[in-house]
Amino acid sequence: MASAETRRPIVAGVPPEPSRRMAVAWAVDEAARRHVPLRLVHAAGAPTVYRQTAVRPSWEEWSQALHEAGERVLEEAVAFAHARQPRVEVSGVLAEGSPAWVLREEAAEAAVVVLGSYHLSRVKEVFSSVAVALPVMAHARCPVVVVPEAEHVTQQPPYVVVGVDGSPHSAAAVDFAFREAALRGAVLRALYVRQPHRFGVLDEAAMEQACRSLLAETVVGRTAAYPEVELHHEVVTGHPVEELTKASAHALALVVGTRGHGGFTGMLLGSVSQGVLHYARCPVIAVPCSPSPGT
């Protein structure tokens, strides 16, 4: 019988638009692979119907419409999840408050939090689901997955990419990436991105070997725990966001730590994890240094 820790649910944020279902699909599939429940959460917002009317509704009318609209959104999402994975235990939660705050609270008891995203201009993203994802990723103690709405094309054989930089956060990301690759029967590509030195490096071969040694040290012990996972070590030179995005173009997922080397004190989310969130076209999984049990 599964323990309470290993039965922590997958939590997925449900957007108001019925057509946006990629995050819910990813979440229910993950719940099926892990044999855990799925908890669908919708944080109600102002009903669209009132945004174009000249008559301002009363608080009671506004609250009632808000509740009814949220219930419809959840009912449709639960039905979608049940139809996709009938054996998964699915529940719906209608919560009051901003989506970012609600999902940060839900993350306290979750194995993984799953959010949707769609790519807009940087100005418009302030008002989009990316504005929800960033604060949730920065504060959650469990991994947070951001799934692009447009379904991307994956490559055969399937693979997962994990960014490695030798930091404790990237070590946690490697642990999670191994598990994801094992659950999906996928290859794991561990990628170290070496940024070019402005004055050049005297011994390129030695630098390359040092990077490969760091990769080997980071994954030591994991290969024994997951012998079925085919592991590839890769060292490339360039900007981490650009190279990770490029490597993950046709991946099942890109896994990164929430912070890495080079972060500033007080920063809750690293520049690389923020950057790949904006540019990657596959699901991005941000893993904290000490994820909650059961992840």
C-alpha atoms as a PDB file:
ATOM      1  CA  MET A   1       0.000   0.000   0.000  1.00  0.00           C
ATOM      2  CA  ALA A   2       1.359   3.439  -0.962  1.00  0.00           C
ATOM      3  CA  SER A   3       2.357   5.749   1.883  1.00  0.00           C
ATOM      4  CA  ALA A   4       0.865   9.214   2.372  1.00  0.00           C
ATOM      5  CA  GLU A   5       4.087  10.750   1.044  1.00  0.00           C
ATOM      6  CA  THR A   6       4.149   8.737  -2.170  1.00  0.00           C
ATOM      7  CA  ARG A   7       0.434   9.446  -2.669  1.00  0.00           C
ATOM      8  CA  ARG A   8       0.921  13.183  -2.820  1.00  0.00           C
ATOM      9  CA  PRO A   9      -1.238  14.363  -5.730  1.00  0.00           C
ATOM     10  CA  ILE A  10      -0.270  15.954  -8.986  1.00  0.00           C
ATOM     11  CA  VAL A  11      -1.785  19.451  -8.850  1.00  0.00           C
ATOM     12  CA  ALA A  12      -2.729  21.171 -12.115  1.00  0.00           C
ATOM     13  CA  GLY A  13      -3.919  24.713 -12.611  1.00  0.00           C
ATOM     14  CA  VAL A  14      -7.009  24.918 -14.818  1.00  0.00           C
ATOM     15  CA  PRO A  15      -7.280  28.018 -17.032  1.00  0.00           C
ATOM     16  CA  PRO A  16     -10.680  29.583 -17.836  1.00  0.00           C
ATOM     17  CA  GLU A  17     -10.368  28.879 -21.570  1.00  0.00           C
ATOM     18  CA  PRO A  18     -11.860  25.415 -22.330  1.00  0.00           C
ATOM     19  CA  SER A  19      -9.617  25.030 -25.393  1.00  0.00           C
ATOM     20  CA  ARG A  20      -6.411  25.157 -23.324  1.00  0.00           C
ATOM     21  CA  ARG A  21      -6.022  21.588 -22.089  1.00  0.00           C
ATOM     22  CA  MET A  22      -2.369  20.641 -22.691  1.00  0.00           C
ATOM     23  CA  ALA A  23      -1.385  21.158 -19.029  1.00  0.00           C
ATOM     24  CA  VAL A  24      -4.332  19.072 -17.808  1.00  0.00           C
ATOM     25  CA  ALA A  25      -3.447  16.342 -20.336  1.00  0.00           C
ATOM     26  CA  TRP A  26       0.205  16.324 -19.191  1.00  0.00           C
ATOM     27  CA  ALA A  27      -0.844  16.245 -15.537  1.00  0.00           C
ATOM     28  CA  VAL A  28      -3.326  13.366 -15.827  1.00  0.00           C
ATOM     29  CA  ASP A  29      -0.851  11.321 -17.874  1.00  0.00           C
ATOM     30  CA  GLU A  30       1.802  11.916 -15.188  1.00  0.00           C
ATOM     31  CA  ALA A  31      -0.661  10.921 -12.463  1.00  0.00           C
ATOM     32  CA  ALA A  32      -1.367   7.686 -14.359  1.00  0.00           C
ATOM     33  CA  ARG A  33       2.368   6.910 -14.659  1.00  0.00           C
ATOM     34  CA  ARG A  34       2.954   7.548 -10.952  1.00  0.00           C
ATOM     35  CA  HIS A  35      -0.308   5.931  -9.753  1.00  0.00           C
ATOM     36  CA  VAL A  36      -1.251   9.015  -7.727  1.00  0.00           C
ATOM     37  CA  PRO A  37      -4.364  11.236  -7.644  1.00  0.00           C
ATOM     38  CA  LEU A  38      -4.822  14.344  -9.785  1.00  0.00           C
ATOM     39  CA  ARG A  39      -6.081  17.545  -8.163  1.00  0.00           C
ATOM     40  CA  LEU A  40      -7.415  20.140 -10.632  1.00  0.00           C
ATOM     41  CA  VAL A  41      -7.451  23.689  -9.255  1.00  0.00           C
ATOM     42  CA  HIS A  42      -9.199  26.709 -10.723  1.00  0.00           C
ATOM     43  CA  ALA A  43      -8.716  30.159  -9.186  1.00  0.00           C
ATOM     44  CA  ALA A  44     -11.778  32.117 -10.242  1.00  0.00           C
ATOM     45  CA  GLY A  45     -11.361  35.509 -11.910  1.00  0.00           C
ATOM     46  CA  ALA A  46     -13.767  38.219 -13.005  1.00  0.00           C
ATOM     47  CA  PRO A  47     -16.333  36.785 -15.461  1.00  0.00           C
ATOM     48  CA  THR A  48     -15.681  37.931 -19.031  1.00  0.00           C
ATOM     49  CA  VAL A  49     -19.373  38.682 -19.541  1.00  0.00           C
ATOM     50  CA  TYR A  50     -19.152  41.729 -17.268  1.00  0.00           C
ATOM     51  CA  ARG A  51     -16.133  43.264 -18.946  1.00  0.00           C
ATOM     52  CA  GLN A  52     -18.164  44.545 -21.887  1.00  0.00           C
ATOM     53  CA  THR A  53     -21.310  45.723 -20.111  1.00  0.00           C
ATOM     54  CA  ALA A  54     -22.138  49.275 -19.115  1.00  0.00           C
ATOM     55  CA  VAL A  55     -24.061  48.233 -15.989  1.00  0.00           C
ATOM     56  CA  ARG A  56     -21.897  47.385 -13.029  1.00  0.00           C
ATOM     57  CA  PRO A  57     -23.230  44.249 -11.282  1.00  0.00           C
ATOM     58  CA  SER A  58     -23.758  44.047  -7.527  1.00  0.00           C
ATOM     59  CA  TRP A  59     -21.220  42.167  -5.437  1.00  0.00           C
ATOM     60  CA  GLU A  60     -23.696  39.311  -4.958  1.00  0.00           C
ATOM     61  CA  GLU A  61     -24.326  39.013  -8.717  1.00  0.00           C
ATOM     62  CA  TRP A  62     -20.627  39.188  -9.482  1.00  0.00           C
ATOM     63  CA  SER A  63     -19.774  36.557  -6.844  1.00  0.00           C
ATOM     64  CA  GLN A  64     -22.511  34.201  -8.017  1.00  0.00           C
ATOM     65  CA  ALA A  65     -21.482  34.492 -11.666  1.00  0.00           C
ATOM     66  CA  LEU A  66     -17.854  33.946 -10.655  1.00  0.00           C
ATOM     67  CA  HIS A  67     -18.713  30.781  -8.756  1.00  0.00           C
ATOM     68  CA  GLU A  68     -20.918  29.362 -11.518  1.00  0.00           C
ATOM     69  CA  ALA A  69     -18.333  30.070 -14.227  1.00  0.00           C
ATOM     70  CA  GLY A  70     -15.613  28.422 -12.134  1.00  0.00           C
ATOM     71  CA  GLU A  71     -17.733  25.347 -11.506  1.00  0.00           C
ATOM     72  CA  ARG A  72     -18.334  24.932 -15.253  1.00  0.00           C
ATOM     73  CA  VAL A  73     -14.621  25.253 -15.978  1.00  0.00           C
ATOM     74  CA  LEU A  74     -13.779  22.598 -13.376  1.00  0.00           C
ATOM     75  CA  GLU A  75     -16.534  20.208 -14.466  1.00  0.00           C
ATOM     76  CA  GLU A  76     -15.265  20.324 -18.053  1.00  0.00           C
ATOM     77  CA  ALA A  77     -11.642  19.835 -16.965  1.00  0.00           C
ATOM     78  CA  VAL A  78     -12.504  16.887 -14.683  1.00  0.00           C
ATOM     79  CA  ALA A  79     -14.522  15.262 -17.483  1.00  0.00           C
ATOM     80  CA  PHE A  80     -11.605  15.749 -19.888  1.00  0.00           C
ATOM     81  CA  ALA A  81      -9.145  14.157 -17.432  1.00  0.00           C
ATOM     82  CA  HIS A  82     -11.477  11.213 -16.710  1.00  0.00           C
ATOM     83  CA  ALA A  83     -11.952  10.546 -20.417  1.00  0.00           C
ATOM     84  CA  ARG A  84      -8.179  10.600 -21.031  1.00  0.00           C
ATOM     85  CA  GLN A  85      -7.146   8.430 -18.046  1.00  0.00           C
ATOM     86  CA  PRO A  86     -10.216   6.663 -16.580  1.00  0.00           C
ATOM     87  CA  ARG A  87      -8.218   4.922 -13.825  1.00  0.00           C
ATOM     88  CA  VAL A  88      -6.831   8.128 -12.294  1.00  0.00           C
ATOM     89  CA  GLU A  89      -8.574   9.520  -9.220  1.00  0.00           C
ATOM     90  CA  VAL A  90      -9.481  13.105 -10.199  1.00  0.00           C
ATOM     91  CA  SER A  91     -10.850  15.862  -7.954  1.00  0.00           C
ATOM     92  CA  GLY A  92     -11.609  19.515  -8.626  1.00  0.00           C
ATOM     93  CA  VAL A  93     -11.049  22.522  -6.352  1.00  0.00           C
ATOM     94  CA  LEU A  94     -12.592  25.949  -6.909  1.00  0.00           C
ATOM     95  CA  ALA A  95     -10.528  28.478  -4.948  1.00  0.00           C
ATOM     96  CA  GLU A  96     -10.758  32.207  -4.297  1.00  0.00           C
ATOM     97  CA  GLY A  97      -7.720  34.379  -4.779  1.00  0.00           C
ATOM     98  CA  SER A  98      -5.131  35.109  -7.428  1.00  0.00           C
ATOM     99  CA  PRO A  99      -3.976  32.059  -9.435  1.00  0.00           C
ATOM    100  CA  ALA A 100      -0.349  32.517  -8.336  1.00  0.00           C
ATOM    101  CA  TRP A 101      -1.251  32.657  -4.626  1.00  0.00           C
ATOM    102  CA  VAL A 102      -3.715  29.752  -4.825  1.00  0.00           C
ATOM    103  CA  LEU A 103      -1.262  27.470  -6.633  1.00  0.00           C
ATOM    104  CA  ARG A 104       1.584  28.378  -4.294  1.00  0.00           C
ATOM    105  CA  GLU A 105      -0.623  27.234  -1.408  1.00  0.00           C
ATOM    106  CA  GLU A 106      -1.617  24.037  -3.222  1.00  0.00           C
ATOM    107  CA  ALA A 107       2.050  23.265  -3.906  1.00  0.00           C
ATOM    108  CA  ALA A 108       2.658  22.659  -0.183  1.00  0.00           C
ATOM    109  CA  GLU A 109       0.964  19.251  -0.388  1.00  0.00           C
ATOM    110  CA  ALA A 110       1.711  18.389  -4.015  1.00  0.00           C
ATOM    111  CA  ALA A 111       4.189  15.989  -5.598  1.00  0.00           C
ATOM    112  CA  VAL A 112       4.306  18.186  -8.691  1.00  0.00           C
ATOM    113  CA  VAL A 113       2.472  21.341  -9.810  1.00  0.00           C
ATOM    114  CA  VAL A 114       1.566  21.607 -13.500  1.00  0.00           C
ATOM    115  CA  LEU A 115       0.776  24.901 -15.225  1.00  0.00           C
ATOM    116  CA  GLY A 116      -0.027  25.861 -18.789  1.00  0.00           C
ATOM    117  CA  SER A 117       1.669  28.530 -20.833  1.00  0.00           C
ATOM    118  CA  TYR A 118       1.521  30.059 -24.254  1.00  0.00           C
ATOM    119  CA  HIS A 119       4.159  32.262 -25.833  1.00  0.00           C
ATOM    120  CA  LEU A 120       3.367  35.942 -26.280  1.00  0.00           C
ATOM    121  CA  SER A 121       5.400  39.114 -26.476  1.00  0.00           C
ATOM    122  CA  ARG A 122       7.282  39.998 -23.304  1.00  0.00           C
ATOM    123  CA  VAL A 123       4.837  42.869 -22.606  1.00  0.00           C
ATOM    124  CA  LYS A 124       1.749  40.686 -23.001  1.00  0.00           C
ATOM    125  CA  GLU A 125       3.271  37.904 -20.910  1.00  0.00           C
ATOM    126  CA  VAL A 126       2.908  40.124 -17.838  1.00  0.00           C
ATOM    127  CA  PHE A 127      -0.814  39.418 -18.063  1.00  0.00           C
ATOM    128  CA  SER A 128      -0.560  35.795 -19.188  1.00  0.00           C
ATOM    129  CA  SER A 129      -0.066  32.443 -17.502  1.00  0.00           C
ATOM    130  CA  VAL A 130       3.711  33.043 -17.470  1.00  0.00           C
ATOM    131  CA  ALA A 131       3.075  35.709 -14.837  1.00  0.00           C
ATOM    132  CA  VAL A 132       1.508  32.937 -12.733  1.00  0.00           C
ATOM    133  CA  ALA A 133       4.257  30.399 -13.428  1.00  0.00           C
ATOM    134  CA  LEU A 134       7.204  32.533 -12.304  1.00  0.00           C
ATOM    135  CA  PRO A 135       6.094  33.175  -8.701  1.00  0.00           C
ATOM    136  CA  VAL A 136       4.892  29.588  -8.300  1.00  0.00           C
ATOM    137  CA  MET A 137       8.231  28.240  -9.588  1.00  0.00           C
ATOM    138  CA  ALA A 138      10.127  30.614  -7.312  1.00  0.00           C
ATOM    139  CA  HIS A 139       8.372  29.605  -4.085  1.00  0.00           C
ATOM    140  CA  ALA A 140       7.123  26.023  -4.486  1.00  0.00           C
ATOM    141  CA  ARG A 141       8.990  23.279  -2.603  1.00  0.00           C
ATOM    142  CA  CYS A 142       8.001  20.716  -5.223  1.00  0.00           C
ATOM    143  CA  PRO A 143       8.874  20.589  -8.937  1.00  0.00           C
ATOM    144  CA  VAL A 144       6.797  22.858 -11.157  1.00  0.00           C
ATOM    145  CA  VAL A 145       6.047  21.934 -14.769  1.00  0.00           C
ATOM    146  CA  VAL A 146       5.120  24.575 -17.345  1.00  0.00           C
ATOM    147  CA  VAL A 147       3.498  23.022 -20.403  1.00  0.00           C
ATOM    148  CA  PRO A 148       3.227  25.028 -23.642  1.00  0.00           C
ATOM    149  CA  GLU A 149      -0.260  25.077 -25.096  1.00  0.00           C
ATOM    150  CA  ALA A 150       0.822  24.244 -28.625  1.00  0.00           C
ATOM    151  CA  GLU A 151       1.640  20.529 -28.780  1.00  0.00           C
ATOM    152  CA  HIS A 152       5.268  20.083 -29.825  1.00  0.00           C
ATOM    153  CA  VAL A 153       6.773  17.360 -31.999  1.00  0.00           C
ATOM    154  CA  THR A 154       8.937  14.879 -30.093  1.00  0.00           C
ATOM    155  CA  GLN A 155      11.794  12.871 -31.543  1.00  0.00           C
ATOM    156  CA  GLN A 156      12.298   9.100 -31.629  1.00  0.00           C
ATOM    157  CA  PRO A 157      13.714   7.592 -29.549  1.00  0.00           C
ATOM    158  CA  PRO A 158      12.140   9.883 -26.928  1.00  0.00           C
ATOM    159  CA  TYR A 159      14.488  11.801 -24.665  1.00  0.00           C
ATOM    160  CA  VAL A 160      14.543  14.110 -21.647  1.00  0.00           C
ATOM    161  CA  VAL A 161      17.119  16.916 -21.323  1.00  0.00           C
ATOM    162  CA  VAL A 162      18.515  18.024 -17.957  1.00  0.00           C
ATOM    163  CA  GLY A 163      20.749  21.033 -17.409  1.00  0.00           C
ATOM    164  CA  VAL A 164      23.780  20.374 -15.186  1.00  0.00           C
ATOM    165  CA  ASP A 165      26.093  22.991 -13.678  1.00  0.00           C
ATOM    166  CA  GLY A 166      27.401  21.299 -10.538  1.00  0.00           C
ATOM    167  CA  SER A 167      25.133  23.211  -8.131  1.00  0.00           C
ATOM    168  CA  PRO A 168      22.870  21.498  -5.548  1.00  0.00           C
ATOM    169  CA  HIS A 169      19.870  22.663  -7.572  1.00  0.00           C
ATOM    170  CA  SER A 170      21.088  20.925 -10.710  1.00  0.00           C
ATOM    171  CA  ALA A 171      21.768  17.764  -8.671  1.00  0.00           C
ATOM    172  CA  ALA A 172      18.112  17.775  -7.585  1.00  0.00           C
ATOM    173  CA  ALA A 173      17.110  18.338 -11.208  1.00  0.00           C
ATOM    174  CA  VAL A 174      19.191  15.322 -12.257  1.00  0.00           C
ATOM    175  CA  ASP A 175      17.419  13.130  -9.680  1.00  0.00           C
ATOM    176  CA  PHE A 176      14.036  14.200 -11.025  1.00  0.00           C
ATOM    177  CA  ALA A 177      15.129  13.825 -14.646  1.00  0.00           C
ATOM    178  CA  PHE A 178      16.265  10.243 -14.078  1.00  0.00           C
ATOM    179  CA  ARG A 179      12.877   9.384 -12.615  1.00  0.00           C
ATOM    180  CA  GLU A 180      11.018  11.029 -15.486  1.00  0.00           C
ATOM    181  CA  ALA A 181      13.146   9.234 -18.072  1.00  0.00           C
ATOM    182  CA  ALA A 182      12.549   5.907 -16.328  1.00  0.00           C
ATOM    183  CA  LEU A 183       8.790   6.482 -16.108  1.00  0.00           C
ATOM    184  CA  ARG A 184       8.642   7.303 -19.808  1.00  0.00           C
ATOM    185  CA  GLY A 185      11.151   4.781 -21.159  1.00  0.00           C
ATOM    186  CA  ALA A 186      13.216   7.663 -22.501  1.00  0.00           C
ATOM    187  CA  VAL A 187      16.880   8.485 -23.049  1.00  0.00           C
ATOM    188  CA  LEU A 188      18.362  11.084 -20.678  1.00  0.00           C
ATOM    189  CA  ARG A 189      20.643  13.780 -22.090  1.00  0.00           C
ATOM    190  CA  ALA A 190      22.669  15.459 -19.319  1.00  0.00           C
ATOM    191  CA  LEU A 191      23.877  18.767 -20.756  1.00  0.00           C
ATOM    192  CA  TYR A 192      26.615  21.009 -19.409  1.00  0.00           C
ATOM    193  CA  VAL A 193      26.817  24.397 -21.142  1.00  0.00           C
ATOM    194  CA  ARG A 194      30.232  25.992 -20.927  1.00  0.00           C
ATOM    195  CA  GLN A 195      30.147  29.730 -21.539  1.00  0.00           C
ATOM    196  CA  PRO A 196      33.071  30.969 -23.652  1.00  0.00           C
ATOM    197  CA  HIS A 197      35.686  32.929 -21.732  1.00  0.00           C
ATOM    198  CA  ARG A 198      36.085  36.465 -23.014  1.00  0.00           C
ATOM    199  CA  PHE A 199      39.863  36.102 -23.159  1.00  0.00           C
ATOM    200  CA  GLY A 200      39.874  32.508 -24.369  1.00  0.00           C
ATOM    201  CA  VAL A 201      41.145  29.408 -22.582  1.00  0.00           C
ATOM    202  CA  LEU A 202      44.734  28.242 -22.861  1.00  0.00           C
ATOM    203  CA  ASP A 203      43.922  24.537 -22.636  1.00  0.00           C
ATOM    204  CA  GLU A 204      40.580  23.750 -24.272  1.00  0.00           C
ATOM    205  CA  ALA A 205      41.098  20.004 -23.925  1.00  0.00           C
ATOM    206  CA  ALA A 206      41.639  20.296 -20.169  1.00  0.00           C
ATOM    207  CA  MET A 207      38.548  22.488 -19.803  1.00  0.00           C
ATOM    208  CA  GLU A 208      36.469  20.013 -21.805  1.00  0.00           C
ATOM    209  CA  GLN A 209      37.673  17.158 -19.597  1.00  0.00           C
ATOM    210  CA  ALA A 210      36.906  19.130 -16.418  1.00  0.00           C
ATOM    211  CA  CYS A 211      33.335  19.685 -17.620  1.00  0.00           C
ATOM    212  CA  ARG A 212      32.886  16.013 -18.443  1.00  0.00           C
ATOM    213  CA  SER A 213      34.266  15.057 -15.020  1.00  0.00           C
ATOM    214  CA  LEU A 214      31.718  17.364 -13.370  1.00  0.00           C
ATOM    215  CA  LEU A 215      28.943  15.716 -15.381  1.00  0.00           C
ATOM    216  CA  ALA A 216      30.130  12.263 -14.321  1.00  0.00           C
ATOM    217  CA  GLU A 217      30.324  13.325 -10.654  1.00  0.00           C
ATOM    218  CA  THR A 218      26.794  14.782 -10.761  1.00  0.00           C
ATOM    219  CA  VAL A 219      25.189  11.585 -12.059  1.00  0.00           C
ATOM    220  CA  VAL A 220      27.246   9.146  -9.978  1.00  0.00           C
ATOM    221  CA  GLY A 221      24.942   6.732  -8.139  1.00  0.00           C
ATOM    222  CA  ARG A 222      21.908   7.625 -10.235  1.00  0.00           C
ATOM    223  CA  THR A 223      22.777   5.184 -13.002  1.00  0.00           C
ATOM    224  CA  ALA A 224      22.771   2.321 -10.495  1.00  0.00           C
ATOM    225  CA  ALA A 225      19.341   3.365  -9.235  1.00  0.00           C
ATOM    226  CA  TYR A 226      17.972   3.627 -12.782  1.00  0.00           C
ATOM    227  CA  PRO A 227      19.872   1.013 -14.841  1.00  0.00           C
ATOM    228  CA  GLU A 228      17.170   1.048 -17.519  1.00  0.00           C
ATOM    229  CA  VAL A 229      17.854   4.699 -18.406  1.00  0.00           C
ATOM    230  CA  GLU A 230      20.284   5.282 -21.276  1.00  0.00           C
ATOM    231  CA  LEU A 231      22.412   8.290 -20.298  1.00  0.00           C
ATOM    232  CA  HIS A 232      24.269  10.631 -22.656  1.00  0.00           C
ATOM    233  CA  HIS A 233      26.833  13.166 -21.360  1.00  0.00           C
ATOM    234  CA  GLU A 234      27.024  16.302 -23.517  1.00  0.00           C
ATOM    235  CA  VAL A 235      29.252  19.376 -23.169  1.00  0.00           C
ATOM    236  CA  VAL A 236      28.583  22.361 -25.424  1.00  0.00           C
ATOM    237  CA  THR A 237      29.852  25.936 -25.542  1.00  0.00           C
ATOM    238  CA  GLY A 238      27.460  28.872 -25.662  1.00  0.00           C
ATOM    239  CA  HIS A 239      24.773  30.651 -23.664  1.00  0.00           C
ATOM    240  CA  PRO A 240      22.934  28.267 -21.292  1.00  0.00           C
ATOM    241  CA  VAL A 241      19.428  29.430 -22.250  1.00  0.00           C
ATOM    242  CA  GLU A 242      20.118  29.211 -25.981  1.00  0.00           C
ATOM    243  CA  GLU A 243      21.844  25.830 -25.830  1.00  0.00           C
ATOM    244  CA  LEU A 244      19.328  24.222 -23.484  1.00  0.00           C
ATOM    245  CA  THR A 245      16.454  25.496 -25.605  1.00  0.00           C
ATOM    246  CA  LYS A 246      18.108  24.185 -28.744  1.00  0.00           C
ATOM    247  CA  ALA A 247      18.858  20.774 -27.226  1.00  0.00           C
ATOM    248  CA  SER A 248      15.297  20.364 -25.983  1.00  0.00           C
ATOM    249  CA  ALA A 249      13.557  21.338 -29.232  1.00  0.00           C
ATOM    250  CA  HIS A 250      12.040  17.853 -29.691  1.00  0.00           C
ATOM    251  CA  ALA A 251      12.369  16.593 -26.112  1.00  0.00           C
ATOM    252  CA  LEU A 252       9.676  15.167 -23.871  1.00  0.00           C
ATOM    253  CA  ALA A 253      10.769  17.708 -21.260  1.00  0.00           C
ATOM    254  CA  LEU A 254      13.579  20.033 -20.199  1.00  0.00           C
ATOM    255  CA  VAL A 255      14.540  19.761 -16.515  1.00  0.00           C
ATOM    256  CA  VAL A 256      16.419  22.568 -14.743  1.00  0.00           C
ATOM    257  CA  GLY A 257      17.131  23.649 -11.191  1.00  0.00           C
ATOM    258  CA  THR A 258      15.302  26.696  -9.924  1.00  0.00           C
ATOM    259  CA  ARG A 259      18.693  28.294  -9.253  1.00  0.00           C
ATOM    260  CA  GLY A 260      22.224  27.468 -10.290  1.00  0.00           C
ATOM    261  CA  HIS A 261      25.748  28.812 -10.041  1.00  0.00           C
ATOM    262  CA  GLY A 262      26.047  32.535 -10.556  1.00  0.00           C
ATOM    263  CA  GLY A 263      22.742  33.470  -8.903  1.00  0.00           C
ATOM    264  CA  PHE A 264      22.553  36.577  -6.736  1.00  0.00           C
ATOM    265  CA  THR A 265      21.683  36.394  -3.041  1.00  0.00           C
ATOM    266  CA  GLY A 266      17.948  36.950  -2.660  1.00  0.00           C
ATOM    267  CA  MET A 267      17.075  35.720  -6.136  1.00  0.00           C
ATOM    268  CA  LEU A 268      14.392  33.050  -5.837  1.00  0.00           C
ATOM    269  CA  LEU A 269      14.490  31.977  -9.467  1.00  0.00           C
ATOM    270  CA  GLY A 270      17.606  31.742 -11.607  1.00  0.00           C
ATOM    271  CA  SER A 271      18.058  33.516 -14.925  1.00  0.00           C
ATOM    272  CA  VAL A 272      18.446  30.231 -16.819  1.00  0.00           C
ATOM    273  CA  SER A 273      15.195  28.760 -15.508  1.00  0.00           C
ATOM    274  CA  GLN A 274      13.409  32.019 -16.325  1.00  0.00           C
ATOM    275  CA  GLY A 275      14.971  32.143 -19.779  1.00  0.00           C
ATOM    276  CA  VAL A 276      14.061  28.608 -20.827  1.00  0.00           C
ATOM    277  CA  LEU A 277      10.534  29.183 -19.561  1.00  0.00           C
ATOM    278  CA  HIS A 278      10.169  31.972 -22.110  1.00  0.00           C
ATOM    279  CA  TYR A 279      11.826  30.236 -25.054  1.00  0.00           C
ATOM    280  CA  ALA A 280      11.496  26.445 -24.754  1.00  0.00           C
ATOM    281  CA  ARG A 281       8.730  24.811 -26.780  1.00  0.00           C
ATOM    282  CA  CYS A 282       8.635  21.604 -24.732  1.00  0.00           C
ATOM    283  CA  PRO A 283       7.449  21.257 -21.114  1.00  0.00           C
ATOM    284  CA  VAL A 284       9.905  22.904 -18.692  1.00  0.00           C
ATOM    285  CA  ILE A 285      10.318  21.328 -15.250  1.00  0.00           C
ATOM    286  CA  ALA A 286      11.874  23.512 -12.564  1.00  0.00           C
ATOM    287  CA  VAL A 287      13.143  21.526  -9.567  1.00  0.00           C
ATOM    288  CA  PRO A 288      13.976  23.149  -6.196  1.00  0.00           C
ATOM    289  CA  CYS A 289      17.110  22.138  -4.303  1.00  0.00           C
ATOM    290  CA  SER A 290      15.134  20.268  -1.636  1.00  0.00           C
ATOM    291  CA  PRO A 291      11.922  19.068  -3.286  1.00  0.00           C
ATOM    292  CA  SER A 292       9.088  17.834  -1.094  1.00  0.00           C
ATOM    293  CA  PRO A 293       8.919  14.074  -0.357  1.00  0.00           C
ATOM    294  CA  GLY A 294       7.226  11.873  -2.911  1.00  0.00           C
ATOM    295  CA  THR A 295       8.478  13.764  -5.957  1.00  0.00           C
END
